[in-house]
Amino acid sequence: MGGWLGQGLADLAAILDPACFVVGGGVSEAGDLLIDPARAAFERALTGRGHRPYAEIKVAQLGQDAGIVGAADLARQTTAPQTTAPSSPSSGPPGPGAFMRSTSTTNPATKAATAQNTANPDSDQCAAVATTR
């Protein structure tokens, strides 16, 4: 199982090039019994391993409860429903390379990000990613 996890993380690293992977949920309960073989398999399977840094593989501090605690924190921080709309309403659903802009103005951080996205409509990156409940 650790070898398969390491292979999967190496495949993700080839696509996303992250600095760190955090393993949570039930998998994290296995601890070093699973993580050590995953690290070894990751290092063997990583493409371009001589030319890119190795992503660190860590176990989530909250272990099995990481997902539920994160969801609860997100729900606690949300003060009003936030909506998203495609960057061009008449063009239909967003296609590859498109991004969503937040239309909520109740959250000051979202309001600032929306203003920044509106000021830079041709930018490839959003100033903020809208969240849903």
C-alpha atoms as a PDB file:
ATOM      1  CA  MET A   1       0.000   0.000   0.000  1.00  0.00           C
ATOM      2  CA  GLY A   2       2.816   2.407   0.834  1.00  0.00           C
ATOM      3  CA  GLY A   3       4.410   1.759  -2.554  1.00  0.00           C
ATOM      4  CA  TRP A   4       1.170   2.547  -4.354  1.00  0.00           C
ATOM      5  CA  LEU A   5       0.726   5.710  -2.312  1.00  0.00           C
ATOM      6  CA  GLY A   6       4.280   6.803  -3.139  1.00  0.00           C
ATOM      7  CA  GLN A   7       3.757   6.082  -6.841  1.00  0.00           C
ATOM      8  CA  GLY A   8       0.537   8.105  -6.842  1.00  0.00           C
ATOM      9  CA  LEU A   9       2.205  11.011  -5.070  1.00  0.00           C
ATOM     10  CA  ALA A  10       5.091  10.907  -7.575  1.00  0.00           C
ATOM     11  CA  ASP A  11       2.583  11.077 -10.436  1.00  0.00           C
ATOM     12  CA  LEU A  12       0.869  14.064  -8.796  1.00  0.00           C
ATOM     13  CA  ALA A  13       4.239  15.729  -8.193  1.00  0.00           C
ATOM     14  CA  ALA A  14       5.054  15.414 -11.898  1.00  0.00           C
ATOM     15  CA  ILE A  15       1.864  17.323 -12.701  1.00  0.00           C
ATOM     16  CA  LEU A  16       1.536  19.801  -9.827  1.00  0.00           C
ATOM     17  CA  ASP A  17       5.139  20.157  -8.554  1.00  0.00           C
ATOM     18  CA  PRO A  18       4.141  20.729  -4.894  1.00  0.00           C
ATOM     19  CA  ALA A  19       6.571  21.455  -2.079  1.00  0.00           C
ATOM     20  CA  CYS A  20       4.724  19.190   0.364  1.00  0.00           C
ATOM     21  CA  PHE A  21       2.090  16.449   0.558  1.00  0.00           C
ATOM     22  CA  VAL A  22       0.038  16.182   3.755  1.00  0.00           C
ATOM     23  CA  VAL A  23      -1.547  12.784   4.303  1.00  0.00           C
ATOM     24  CA  GLY A  24      -4.645  12.829   6.493  1.00  0.00           C
ATOM     25  CA  GLY A  25      -7.737  10.805   7.204  1.00  0.00           C
ATOM     26  CA  GLY A  26      -7.626   7.112   7.995  1.00  0.00           C
ATOM     27  CA  VAL A  27      -4.408   6.647   5.997  1.00  0.00           C
ATOM     28  CA  SER A  28      -2.554   8.847   8.464  1.00  0.00           C
ATOM     29  CA  GLU A  29      -3.422   6.493  11.329  1.00  0.00           C
ATOM     30  CA  ALA A  30      -1.001   3.900   9.884  1.00  0.00           C
ATOM     31  CA  GLY A  31       1.833   6.364  10.552  1.00  0.00           C
ATOM     32  CA  ASP A  32       5.379   5.333   9.627  1.00  0.00           C
ATOM     33  CA  LEU A  33       4.225   1.817   8.724  1.00  0.00           C
ATOM     34  CA  LEU A  34       2.710   3.308   5.559  1.00  0.00           C
ATOM     35  CA  ILE A  35       4.514   6.644   5.183  1.00  0.00           C
ATOM     36  CA  ASP A  36       8.096   5.306   5.152  1.00  0.00           C
ATOM     37  CA  PRO A  37       7.460   2.928   2.202  1.00  0.00           C
ATOM     38  CA  ALA A  38       5.506   5.717   0.485  1.00  0.00           C
ATOM     39  CA  ARG A  39       8.477   8.073   0.807  1.00  0.00           C
ATOM     40  CA  ALA A  40      10.844   5.440  -0.612  1.00  0.00           C
ATOM     41  CA  ALA A  41       8.514   4.672  -3.542  1.00  0.00           C
ATOM     42  CA  PHE A  42       8.015   8.395  -4.152  1.00  0.00           C
ATOM     43  CA  GLU A  43      11.771   8.962  -4.449  1.00  0.00           C
ATOM     44  CA  ARG A  44      12.163   5.992  -6.840  1.00  0.00           C
ATOM     45  CA  ALA A  45       9.194   6.960  -9.051  1.00  0.00           C
ATOM     46  CA  LEU A  46       9.644  10.740  -9.231  1.00  0.00           C
ATOM     47  CA  THR A  47      10.364  11.837 -12.796  1.00  0.00           C
ATOM     48  CA  GLY A  48      13.299  14.193 -13.185  1.00  0.00           C
ATOM     49  CA  ARG A  49      14.471  13.363  -9.677  1.00  0.00           C
ATOM     50  CA  GLY A  50      17.943  14.750 -10.288  1.00  0.00           C
ATOM     51  CA  HIS A  51      16.535  18.060 -11.479  1.00  0.00           C
ATOM     52  CA  ARG A  52      13.708  18.853  -9.095  1.00  0.00           C
ATOM     53  CA  PRO A  53      13.407  19.047  -5.326  1.00  0.00           C
ATOM     54  CA  TYR A  54      11.634  16.223  -3.516  1.00  0.00           C
ATOM     55  CA  ALA A  55       8.264  17.131  -2.071  1.00  0.00           C
ATOM     56  CA  GLU A  56       8.071  16.535   1.634  1.00  0.00           C
ATOM     57  CA  ILE A  57       5.518  13.904   2.721  1.00  0.00           C
ATOM     58  CA  LYS A  58       4.004  14.630   6.133  1.00  0.00           C
ATOM     59  CA  VAL A  59       1.215  13.225   8.268  1.00  0.00           C
ATOM     60  CA  ALA A  60      -1.565  15.682   9.146  1.00  0.00           C
ATOM     61  CA  GLN A  61      -1.371  16.833  12.767  1.00  0.00           C
ATOM     62  CA  LEU A  62      -5.081  16.231  13.207  1.00  0.00           C
ATOM     63  CA  GLY A  63      -4.818  12.774  11.645  1.00  0.00           C
ATOM     64  CA  GLN A  64      -8.177  11.183  10.981  1.00  0.00           C
ATOM     65  CA  ASP A  65     -10.077  14.330  11.991  1.00  0.00           C
ATOM     66  CA  ALA A  66      -8.267  16.708   9.575  1.00  0.00           C
ATOM     67  CA  GLY A  67     -11.093  16.851   7.020  1.00  0.00           C
ATOM     68  CA  ILE A  68     -13.929  17.424   9.472  1.00  0.00           C
ATOM     69  CA  VAL A  69     -11.989  20.064  11.429  1.00  0.00           C
ATOM     70  CA  GLY A  70     -11.146  21.896   8.199  1.00  0.00           C
ATOM     71  CA  ALA A  71     -14.786  21.796   7.080  1.00  0.00           C
ATOM     72  CA  ALA A  72     -15.963  23.071  10.464  1.00  0.00           C
ATOM     73  CA  ASP A  73     -13.425  25.913  10.382  1.00  0.00           C
ATOM     74  CA  LEU A  74     -14.506  26.878   6.873  1.00  0.00           C
ATOM     75  CA  ALA A  75     -18.162  26.887   7.945  1.00  0.00           C
ATOM     76  CA  ARG A  76     -17.293  29.001  10.990  1.00  0.00           C
ATOM     77  CA  GLN A  77     -15.466  31.579   8.864  1.00  0.00           C
ATOM     78  CA  THR A  78     -18.265  31.888   6.330  1.00  0.00           C
ATOM     79  CA  THR A  79     -20.496  34.816   7.206  1.00  0.00           C
ATOM     80  CA  ALA A  80     -22.786  34.819   4.166  1.00  0.00           C
ATOM     81  CA  PRO A  81     -23.380  32.554   1.209  1.00  0.00           C
ATOM     82  CA  GLN A  82     -20.898  33.217  -1.550  1.00  0.00           C
ATOM     83  CA  THR A  83     -21.760  32.705  -5.174  1.00  0.00           C
ATOM     84  CA  THR A  84     -19.628  32.308  -8.209  1.00  0.00           C
ATOM     85  CA  ALA A  85     -20.260  33.231 -11.795  1.00  0.00           C
ATOM     86  CA  PRO A  86     -18.382  32.482 -14.991  1.00  0.00           C
ATOM     87  CA  SER A  87     -16.048  35.240 -16.149  1.00  0.00           C
ATOM     88  CA  SER A  88     -18.361  35.805 -19.127  1.00  0.00           C
ATOM     89  CA  PRO A  89     -22.001  34.989 -18.301  1.00  0.00           C
ATOM     90  CA  SER A  90     -23.092  34.793 -21.944  1.00  0.00           C
ATOM     91  CA  SER A  91     -20.369  32.355 -22.941  1.00  0.00           C
ATOM     92  CA  GLY A  92     -21.839  29.364 -21.064  1.00  0.00           C
ATOM     93  CA  PRO A  93     -19.905  27.197 -18.644  1.00  0.00           C
ATOM     94  CA  PRO A  94     -16.210  27.962 -18.242  1.00  0.00           C
ATOM     95  CA  GLY A  95     -13.897  25.851 -20.392  1.00  0.00           C
ATOM     96  CA  PRO A  96     -10.279  24.795 -19.905  1.00  0.00           C
ATOM     97  CA  GLY A  97      -8.117  27.620 -18.654  1.00  0.00           C
ATOM     98  CA  ALA A  98     -11.133  29.649 -17.488  1.00  0.00           C
ATOM     99  CA  PHE A  99     -11.561  30.617 -13.878  1.00  0.00           C
ATOM    100  CA  MET A 100     -14.427  31.602 -11.619  1.00  0.00           C
ATOM    101  CA  ARG A 101     -14.808  35.060 -10.149  1.00  0.00           C
ATOM    102  CA  SER A 102     -16.545  35.648  -6.857  1.00  0.00           C
ATOM    103  CA  THR A 103     -19.575  37.924  -6.989  1.00  0.00           C
ATOM    104  CA  SER A 104     -20.007  38.206  -3.228  1.00  0.00           C
ATOM    105  CA  THR A 105     -19.414  41.656  -1.733  1.00  0.00           C
ATOM    106  CA  THR A 106     -20.182  40.850   1.910  1.00  0.00           C
ATOM    107  CA  ASN A 107     -16.705  39.613   2.784  1.00  0.00           C
ATOM    108  CA  PRO A 108     -14.073  42.426   2.651  1.00  0.00           C
ATOM    109  CA  ALA A 109     -11.343  40.032   1.434  1.00  0.00           C
ATOM    110  CA  THR A 110     -13.607  38.702  -1.315  1.00  0.00           C
ATOM    111  CA  LYS A 111     -14.661  42.219  -2.250  1.00  0.00           C
ATOM    112  CA  ALA A 112     -11.003  43.248  -2.648  1.00  0.00           C
ATOM    113  CA  ALA A 113     -10.222  40.134  -4.694  1.00  0.00           C
ATOM    114  CA  THR A 114     -13.232  40.763  -6.931  1.00  0.00           C
ATOM    115  CA  ALA A 115     -12.060  44.326  -7.514  1.00  0.00           C
ATOM    116  CA  GLN A 116      -8.569  43.082  -8.366  1.00  0.00           C
ATOM    117  CA  ASN A 117      -9.948  40.450 -10.777  1.00  0.00           C
ATOM    118  CA  THR A 118     -12.155  43.065 -12.442  1.00  0.00           C
ATOM    119  CA  ALA A 119      -9.194  45.420 -12.845  1.00  0.00           C
ATOM    120  CA  ASN A 120      -7.099  42.646 -14.448  1.00  0.00           C
ATOM    121  CA  PRO A 121      -9.565  40.677 -16.612  1.00  0.00           C
ATOM    122  CA  ASP A 122      -6.889  39.144 -18.854  1.00  0.00           C
ATOM    123  CA  SER A 123      -4.835  37.737 -15.982  1.00  0.00           C
ATOM    124  CA  ASP A 124      -4.324  33.960 -15.953  1.00  0.00           C
ATOM    125  CA  GLN A 125      -4.688  33.778 -12.175  1.00  0.00           C
ATOM    126  CA  CYS A 126      -7.439  34.824  -9.804  1.00  0.00           C
ATOM    127  CA  ALA A 127      -6.682  36.970  -6.782  1.00  0.00           C
ATOM    128  CA  ALA A 128      -8.874  34.659  -4.689  1.00  0.00           C
ATOM    129  CA  VAL A 129     -10.723  31.377  -5.069  1.00  0.00           C
ATOM    130  CA  ALA A 130     -14.373  31.496  -3.994  1.00  0.00           C
ATOM    131  CA  THR A 131     -15.460  28.754  -1.623  1.00  0.00           C
ATOM    132  CA  THR A 132     -18.761  26.974  -1.333  1.00  0.00           C
ATOM    133  CA  ARG A 133     -20.488  25.455   1.627  1.00  0.00           C
END
